[in-house]
Amino acid sequence: MPLLPASFTAAPARRRARIEIIPLIDVIFFLLATFVLFTLSLNRLQSVPVGLPQARPAARLDPDDQTVVLQVSGAGTAYWNREPIALADLPARVAAYQAATPAPRILVSGDTAAHWGDTVRALDEIRAAGITQVSIETLPRPTGR
């Protein structure tokens, strides 16, 4: 048997693996401190007060109400109080309505296939006639209603 130095004769003792808790605690405290500093740096949001309208019961319909419902359809036509008219006839119709009514009001609506350009042209004709009381319906109606 060969002679070996004393350091090679005994097998080194194996060390057991350990989980070190102290570095984990340090990491957790670091994350906590970062979170606290971050939340302290947040600014409180300022808002602008807005006066919202209050709900009121529906008013009774005026029998003398002469509001016109102008519906623009997708076929390039319009309906003046459910009466089909061509978009080319709209300026004359609006001018006659404005001259005949002391307080003209128009409700502009469209069907599901209405083109936005035709609706804008109708609004331009209403504005050109000098009618200021104009409402726009945002939900589409069935054609001709």
Protein backbone atom coordinates (compact mmCIF):
# COMPACT_ATOMS: atom_id res chain seq x y z
CA MET A 1 0.00 0.00 0.00
CA PRO A 2 1.41 3.36 -0.95
CA LEU A 3 1.98 5.90 1.68
CA LEU A 4 -0.19 8.95 1.38
CA PRO A 5 0.10 12.15 3.31
CA ALA A 6 -2.15 12.41 6.33
CA SER A 7 -4.37 14.99 4.66
CA PHE A 8 -5.44 12.49 1.99
CA THR A 9 -6.15 9.57 4.21
CA ALA A 10 -9.41 10.66 5.80
CA ALA A 11 -12.41 11.56 3.70
CA PRO A 12 -13.58 15.10 4.32
CA ALA A 13 -16.78 15.38 6.34
CA ARG A 14 -19.74 16.49 4.27
CA ARG A 15 -21.47 19.67 5.37
CA ARG A 16 -25.26 19.71 5.42
CA ALA A 17 -26.95 22.31 3.27
CA ARG A 18 -28.70 25.01 5.28
CA ILE A 19 -31.16 27.70 4.34
CA GLU A 20 -29.95 31.00 5.68
CA ILE A 21 -32.92 32.98 7.01
CA ILE A 22 -31.12 36.25 7.78
CA PRO A 23 -30.49 37.24 4.13
CA LEU A 24 -34.14 36.45 3.35
CA ILE A 25 -35.27 38.73 6.17
CA ASP A 26 -33.00 41.47 4.83
CA VAL A 27 -34.59 41.19 1.38
CA ILE A 28 -38.11 41.31 2.84
CA PHE A 29 -37.29 44.44 4.88
CA PHE A 30 -35.78 46.06 1.79
CA LEU A 31 -38.97 45.36 -0.20
CA LEU A 32 -41.13 46.66 2.65
CA ALA A 33 -39.11 49.87 2.92
CA THR A 34 -39.30 50.38 -0.85
CA PHE A 35 -43.08 49.89 -0.80
CA VAL A 36 -43.51 52.36 2.08
CA LEU A 37 -41.38 55.02 0.37
CA PHE A 38 -43.24 54.50 -2.90
CA THR A 39 -46.67 54.90 -1.30
CA LEU A 40 -45.57 58.03 0.54
CA SER A 41 -44.47 59.61 -2.73
CA LEU A 42 -47.90 59.21 -4.37
CA ASN A 43 -49.81 62.46 -4.82
CA ARG A 44 -53.46 62.78 -4.00
CA LEU A 45 -55.43 63.42 -7.17
CA GLN A 46 -57.26 66.73 -7.35
CA SER A 47 -60.55 66.88 -9.21
CA VAL A 48 -62.69 69.57 -10.75
CA PRO A 49 -66.23 69.82 -9.36
CA VAL A 50 -68.83 69.15 -12.03
CA GLY A 51 -72.42 70.26 -11.68
CA LEU A 52 -74.46 67.31 -12.93
CA PRO A 53 -78.06 67.86 -13.99
CA GLN A 54 -80.77 66.70 -11.65
CA ALA A 55 -83.42 64.25 -12.83
CA ARG A 56 -86.89 65.71 -13.19
CA PRO A 57 -90.21 64.07 -13.96
CA ALA A 58 -91.11 64.05 -17.62
CA ALA A 59 -92.98 67.12 -18.74
CA ARG A 60 -96.30 66.74 -20.46
CA LEU A 61 -96.13 66.82 -24.21
CA ASP A 62 -97.15 70.16 -25.68
CA PRO A 63 -99.89 69.65 -28.28
CA ASP A 64 -98.63 72.74 -30.13
CA ASP A 65 -95.09 71.37 -30.30
CA GLN A 66 -93.88 71.66 -33.88
CA THR A 67 -90.57 69.85 -33.50
CA VAL A 68 -89.54 68.19 -36.73
CA VAL A 69 -87.89 64.76 -36.70
CA LEU A 70 -85.35 64.57 -39.53
CA GLN A 71 -84.09 61.04 -40.06
CA VAL A 72 -81.17 60.44 -42.42
CA SER A 73 -81.20 56.98 -43.98
CA GLY A 74 -78.49 54.93 -45.59
CA ALA A 75 -80.10 55.03 -49.03
CA GLY A 76 -79.20 58.71 -49.53
CA THR A 77 -82.66 59.89 -48.58
CA ALA A 78 -84.15 61.49 -45.51
CA TYR A 79 -87.46 61.40 -43.71
CA TRP A 80 -89.12 64.68 -42.66
CA ASN A 81 -91.62 63.67 -39.97
CA ARG A 82 -91.84 60.18 -41.53
CA GLU A 83 -92.30 61.60 -45.02
CA PRO A 84 -89.54 60.50 -47.43
CA ILE A 85 -87.68 63.36 -49.11
CA ALA A 86 -84.50 63.58 -51.16
CA LEU A 87 -81.45 65.09 -49.48
CA ALA A 88 -81.34 67.67 -52.29
CA ASP A 89 -84.78 68.95 -51.18
CA LEU A 90 -83.63 69.44 -47.59
CA PRO A 91 -82.45 73.11 -47.85
CA ALA A 92 -85.80 74.29 -49.22
CA ARG A 93 -87.72 72.26 -46.64
CA VAL A 94 -85.63 73.62 -43.75
CA ALA A 95 -85.91 77.22 -44.97
CA ALA A 96 -89.70 76.92 -45.30
CA TYR A 97 -89.96 75.41 -41.81
CA GLN A 98 -87.79 78.15 -40.32
CA ALA A 99 -89.92 80.86 -41.96
CA ALA A 100 -93.24 79.33 -40.90
CA THR A 101 -92.40 78.48 -37.26
CA PRO A 102 -91.62 81.12 -34.60
CA ALA A 103 -89.36 78.77 -32.57
CA PRO A 104 -88.16 76.03 -34.95
CA ARG A 105 -86.72 72.87 -33.40
CA ILE A 106 -85.32 69.87 -35.23
CA LEU A 107 -84.41 66.42 -33.94
CA VAL A 108 -81.83 64.78 -36.22
CA SER A 109 -81.62 60.99 -36.13
CA GLY A 110 -80.41 58.21 -38.36
CA ASP A 111 -81.11 54.60 -39.14
CA THR A 112 -78.56 51.81 -38.74
CA ALA A 113 -77.23 52.24 -42.29
CA ALA A 114 -77.02 56.06 -42.33
CA HIS A 115 -73.80 57.58 -43.60
CA TRP A 116 -72.14 60.13 -41.35
CA GLY A 117 -71.42 62.46 -44.27
CA ASP A 118 -75.13 62.75 -45.13
CA THR A 119 -75.93 63.50 -41.50
CA VAL A 120 -73.27 66.23 -41.36
CA ARG A 121 -74.65 67.75 -44.58
CA ALA A 122 -78.12 67.81 -43.01
CA LEU A 123 -76.73 69.51 -39.89
CA ASP A 124 -74.93 72.06 -42.09
CA GLU A 125 -78.20 72.88 -43.90
CA ILE A 126 -79.99 73.35 -40.58
CA ARG A 127 -77.22 75.65 -39.33
CA ALA A 128 -77.22 77.61 -42.60
CA ALA A 129 -80.96 78.23 -42.22
CA GLY A 130 -80.33 79.80 -38.79
CA ILE A 131 -82.05 77.17 -36.66
CA THR A 132 -80.30 77.00 -33.28
CA GLN A 133 -82.46 74.49 -31.42
CA VAL A 134 -81.12 71.24 -32.83
CA SER A 135 -81.01 67.90 -31.03
CA ILE A 136 -79.17 64.79 -32.18
CA GLU A 137 -80.54 61.37 -31.33
CA THR A 138 -77.74 58.94 -30.56
CA LEU A 139 -79.68 55.68 -30.90
CA PRO A 140 -80.56 54.56 -34.42
CA ARG A 141 -84.22 54.22 -35.35
CA PRO A 142 -85.73 51.84 -37.84
CA THR A 143 -85.89 53.45 -41.28
CA GLY A 144 -88.78 55.89 -41.71
CA ARG A 145 -89.87 56.08 -38.07
